[in-house]
Amino acid sequence: MPEPPPIPRPVVAAFDVDGTLTTRDCVVPFLRRAAGSRLATALLGHPLTLVGALLRRDRDRLKELACASLRGTPAADVERLGRDFAQEVASGWLRDDTTARLRRHKELGHTVILASASLDAYLVPLGALLGADAVVCTELERGDDDRLTGRLRGRNCRGAEKARRVAALLSARGLDEAALWAYGDSPGDAELLAAADHALRVDGVRIGTEPGERVSLDHSIG
C-alpha cells in the first residue's frame, strides 16, 4: 500500500519589532512620554551604575534603570498611554516590507508572534492591531496597589531570553515541531535567528537570509 502523504508541519513566524517591523526605536519615545523628566532623573541619579552599564554596553541594566522612572505610576495610566502609543506606531512607524511579510504569514494561516524587548504596555495592544496570535516582550511589574513598581517582571526580552521565551510559548501551544520563521535586525535577535528554520535578517533596505543577500517579498513563505 502507498504511504500516506506526510502531514505538513505547522508554521510559526516570530517578528522582532524595533527596527524590524518599525522604522525606529519605540522604547525611549514611550518612556519619555510616560515618565517625562523622571526618565533623566532615574538615569542620572545613579551615575556610577549608568556609566558602568554604558561602558559594558549592558542594555539590560540600562533598561532597568530607565524603567525605574515609572515607579509609583498608576498601571492604568501607563496602559492607556500604551494603547495610544500603539495606535501611533501602527499608523506611522511601520516598515512596508516586513509588515507585508507579517500579513502574508497570516493569509497562509501561520501562527504569528511578536518577540521583542519592547514594553508590554504598548506592545500587547500593537500585537492586537497587527493581528498577532501572541506577544512575548519585556514586562513592567505591577504592584498590589495597581501601580508600577519601577522593576521588570522577569528579564529583559532580548538575546537568549527572547529565544527561550519563544520556545516556551511554542511548547505551551503544542508547536514544538513547527517550522519557525524568525525576523530580526540586531544582535539581540541572534539567538532567535539561530534557532529558526528560516532566519531572515532585516536592515534598513532589505530582508535577507545573510548580510547582503536580498530576499524578494515574492519569495514563497509557504
Protein backbone atom coordinates (compact mmCIF):
# COMPACT_ATOMS: atom_id res chain seq x y z
CA MET A 1 0.00 0.00 0.00
CA PRO A 2 1.27 3.52 -0.74
CA GLU A 3 2.39 5.54 2.23
CA PRO A 4 0.01 8.36 3.22
CA PRO A 5 1.35 11.80 2.42
CA PRO A 6 3.24 13.40 5.32
CA ILE A 7 1.28 15.78 7.50
CA PRO A 8 2.63 19.27 6.82
CA ARG A 9 4.38 20.94 9.73
CA PRO A 10 2.65 23.95 11.25
CA VAL A 11 4.44 27.22 10.61
CA VAL A 12 5.24 29.97 13.11
CA ALA A 13 6.60 33.40 12.20
CA ALA A 14 8.29 35.37 15.01
CA PHE A 15 8.94 39.06 14.37
CA ASP A 16 11.19 41.37 16.33
CA VAL A 17 9.64 44.85 16.47
CA ASP A 18 12.04 47.81 16.86
CA GLY A 19 13.95 48.16 13.60
CA THR A 20 12.33 45.04 12.14
CA LEU A 21 8.64 45.86 11.95
CA THR A 22 9.17 49.54 12.74
CA THR A 23 11.42 52.21 11.27
CA ARG A 24 12.68 53.35 14.66
CA ASP A 25 13.16 52.52 18.32
CA CYS A 26 9.98 52.57 20.39
CA VAL A 27 11.20 52.11 23.98
CA VAL A 28 12.80 55.51 24.59
CA PRO A 29 9.99 57.57 22.99
CA PHE A 30 7.43 55.70 25.09
CA LEU A 31 9.38 56.15 28.33
CA ARG A 32 9.79 59.86 27.60
CA ARG A 33 6.03 60.21 27.31
CA ALA A 34 5.21 58.01 30.28
CA ALA A 35 7.86 59.31 32.69
CA GLY A 36 8.69 62.81 31.42
CA SER A 37 11.58 64.40 33.30
CA ARG A 38 11.69 61.45 35.71
CA LEU A 39 13.43 59.44 32.99
CA ALA A 40 16.54 61.65 33.11
CA THR A 41 16.36 61.74 36.90
CA ALA A 42 16.26 57.94 37.12
CA LEU A 43 19.29 57.61 34.84
CA LEU A 44 21.40 60.45 36.23
CA GLY A 45 20.52 59.57 39.83
CA HIS A 46 22.78 56.51 39.57
CA PRO A 47 25.82 57.88 37.71
CA LEU A 48 28.24 55.06 38.52
CA THR A 49 25.74 52.39 37.53
CA LEU A 50 24.85 54.32 34.39
CA VAL A 51 28.48 54.79 33.31
CA GLY A 52 29.28 51.14 34.04
CA ALA A 53 26.30 49.94 32.01
CA LEU A 54 27.25 52.22 29.12
CA LEU A 55 30.85 51.04 29.14
CA ARG A 56 29.78 47.40 29.22
CA ARG A 57 27.01 48.07 26.67
CA ASP A 58 24.71 46.39 29.17
CA ARG A 59 21.32 47.05 27.61
CA ASP A 60 19.54 45.01 30.27
CA ARG A 61 20.85 47.18 33.12
CA LEU A 62 20.16 50.37 31.17
CA LYS A 63 16.56 49.31 30.66
CA GLU A 64 16.18 48.53 34.36
CA LEU A 65 17.47 51.99 35.24
CA ALA A 66 15.17 53.67 32.70
CA CYS A 67 12.06 51.76 33.78
CA ALA A 68 12.69 52.76 37.40
CA SER A 69 11.40 56.17 36.27
CA LEU A 70 7.87 54.68 36.21
CA ARG A 71 7.88 53.71 39.88
CA GLY A 72 4.59 54.69 41.51
CA THR A 73 2.78 55.45 38.25
CA PRO A 74 -0.77 54.01 38.12
CA ALA A 75 -0.70 50.98 35.84
CA ALA A 76 -4.00 52.07 34.25
CA ASP A 77 -2.43 55.38 33.16
CA VAL A 78 0.55 53.64 31.56
CA GLU A 79 -1.70 51.11 29.83
CA ARG A 80 -3.92 53.86 28.45
CA LEU A 81 -0.84 55.70 27.16
CA GLY A 82 0.39 52.40 25.74
CA ARG A 83 -2.79 51.91 23.72
CA ASP A 84 -2.49 55.40 22.26
CA PHE A 85 1.19 54.87 21.53
CA ALA A 86 0.46 51.56 19.79
CA GLN A 87 -2.01 53.34 17.51
CA GLU A 88 0.64 55.89 16.62
CA VAL A 89 3.20 53.17 15.85
CA ALA A 90 0.69 51.24 13.73
CA SER A 91 -0.34 54.32 11.77
CA GLY A 92 3.07 55.82 11.03
CA TRP A 93 6.10 53.91 12.27
CA LEU A 94 5.79 50.55 10.46
CA ARG A 95 8.01 49.32 7.64
CA ASP A 96 6.11 48.37 4.49
CA ASP A 97 8.23 45.33 3.65
CA THR A 98 8.20 43.42 6.93
CA THR A 99 4.57 44.22 7.71
CA ALA A 100 3.74 42.83 4.26
CA ARG A 101 5.54 39.65 5.31
CA LEU A 102 3.53 39.52 8.52
CA ARG A 103 0.26 39.89 6.61
CA ARG A 104 1.31 37.17 4.17
CA HIS A 105 2.07 34.76 7.01
CA LYS A 106 -1.41 35.49 8.38
CA GLU A 107 -3.00 34.87 4.97
CA LEU A 108 -1.28 31.48 4.82
CA GLY A 109 -2.69 30.52 8.20
CA HIS A 110 0.62 30.65 10.04
CA THR A 111 0.90 31.50 13.74
CA VAL A 112 2.39 34.99 14.09
CA ILE A 113 4.29 36.10 17.19
CA LEU A 114 5.78 39.46 18.13
CA ALA A 115 9.01 38.77 20.04
CA SER A 116 10.62 41.94 21.30
CA ALA A 117 12.48 43.70 24.09
CA SER A 118 9.84 46.45 23.80
CA LEU A 119 7.49 47.03 26.73
CA ASP A 120 4.20 45.23 27.22
CA ALA A 121 2.23 48.42 27.87
CA TYR A 122 2.24 49.22 24.16
CA LEU A 123 3.43 46.01 22.54
CA VAL A 124 0.41 43.94 23.58
CA PRO A 125 -2.05 46.42 22.01
CA LEU A 126 0.23 46.73 18.97
CA GLY A 127 0.11 42.96 18.59
CA ALA A 128 -3.67 43.11 18.63
CA LEU A 129 -3.68 45.83 15.97
CA LEU A 130 -1.40 43.74 13.74
CA GLY A 131 -3.38 40.55 14.25
CA ALA A 132 -0.56 38.72 16.04
CA ASP A 133 -1.52 35.47 17.74
CA ALA A 134 0.81 36.06 20.71
CA VAL A 135 3.29 38.57 22.10
CA VAL A 136 6.44 37.91 24.09
CA CYS A 137 8.14 41.04 25.36
CA THR A 138 9.64 42.86 28.32
CA GLU A 139 7.06 43.24 31.08
CA LEU A 140 6.66 46.04 33.61
CA GLU A 141 6.00 44.80 37.14
CA ARG A 142 2.67 45.84 38.68
CA GLY A 143 2.32 46.04 42.47
CA ASP A 144 -0.64 45.02 44.62
CA ASP A 145 -1.67 48.69 44.70
CA ASP A 146 -2.10 48.70 40.88
CA ARG A 147 0.92 50.94 40.46
CA LEU A 148 4.15 50.15 38.66
CA THR A 149 7.00 49.12 40.95
CA GLY A 150 9.70 50.50 38.66
CA ARG A 151 11.06 46.98 38.14
CA LEU A 152 10.77 44.50 35.31
CA ARG A 153 8.69 41.36 35.70
CA GLY A 154 11.22 38.77 34.68
CA ARG A 155 14.14 39.53 32.42
CA ASN A 156 14.58 41.90 29.51
CA CYS A 157 13.27 40.00 26.46
CA ARG A 158 16.35 40.03 24.23
CA GLY A 159 19.14 37.67 23.28
CA ALA A 160 18.95 34.23 24.86
CA GLU A 161 15.92 35.26 26.90
CA LYS A 162 13.95 36.09 23.75
CA ALA A 163 14.78 32.71 22.21
CA ARG A 164 13.87 30.95 25.47
CA ARG A 165 10.55 32.76 25.76
CA VAL A 166 9.57 31.94 22.17
CA ALA A 167 10.49 28.28 22.68
CA ALA A 168 8.43 28.16 25.89
CA LEU A 169 5.43 29.67 24.14
CA LEU A 170 5.63 27.19 21.27
CA SER A 171 5.92 24.30 23.71
CA ALA A 172 2.90 25.51 25.68
CA ARG A 173 0.88 25.66 22.46
CA GLY A 174 1.98 22.25 21.21
CA LEU A 175 4.05 23.79 18.42
CA ASP A 176 7.45 22.35 19.32
CA GLU A 177 7.75 20.76 15.88
CA ALA A 178 6.60 23.82 13.94
CA ALA A 179 8.74 25.29 11.18
CA LEU A 180 9.96 28.59 12.65
CA TRP A 181 10.49 31.69 10.55
CA ALA A 182 12.27 34.45 12.51
CA TYR A 183 12.80 38.09 11.54
CA GLY A 184 15.29 40.32 13.34
CA ASP A 185 17.69 43.19 12.82
CA SER A 186 20.06 43.35 15.79
CA PRO A 187 22.47 41.31 17.93
CA GLY A 188 19.60 40.93 20.40
CA ASP A 189 17.87 38.70 17.83
CA ALA A 190 20.87 36.45 17.15
CA GLU A 191 19.81 33.53 19.34
CA LEU A 192 16.26 33.52 17.98
CA LEU A 193 17.53 33.62 14.41
CA ALA A 194 19.94 30.79 15.16
CA ALA A 195 17.08 28.64 16.47
CA ALA A 196 14.88 29.24 13.41
CA ASP A 197 14.39 27.00 10.40
CA HIS A 198 14.29 30.15 8.27
CA ALA A 199 16.21 33.16 9.62
CA LEU A 200 15.56 36.49 7.92
CA ARG A 201 17.95 39.33 8.75
CA VAL A 202 16.46 42.77 8.28
CA ASP A 203 18.32 46.03 7.74
CA GLY A 204 17.32 49.46 6.58
CA VAL A 205 16.81 48.48 2.94
CA ARG A 206 16.25 44.76 2.63
CA ILE A 207 15.25 41.42 4.08
CA GLY A 208 17.86 38.69 3.58
CA THR A 209 18.97 35.30 4.84
CA GLU A 210 22.53 36.58 5.16
CA PRO A 211 24.00 40.10 5.11
CA GLY A 212 23.94 41.27 1.52
CA GLU A 213 21.58 38.54 0.27
CA ARG A 214 18.25 40.00 -0.79
CA VAL A 215 15.02 38.02 -0.43
CA SER A 216 12.15 39.32 -2.53
CA LEU A 217 8.76 39.78 -0.94
CA ASP A 218 7.53 37.48 -3.69
CA HIS A 219 9.71 34.69 -2.28
CA SER A 220 7.49 31.83 -1.16
CA ILE A 221 6.95 31.67 2.58
CA GLY A 222 4.59 28.73 2.41
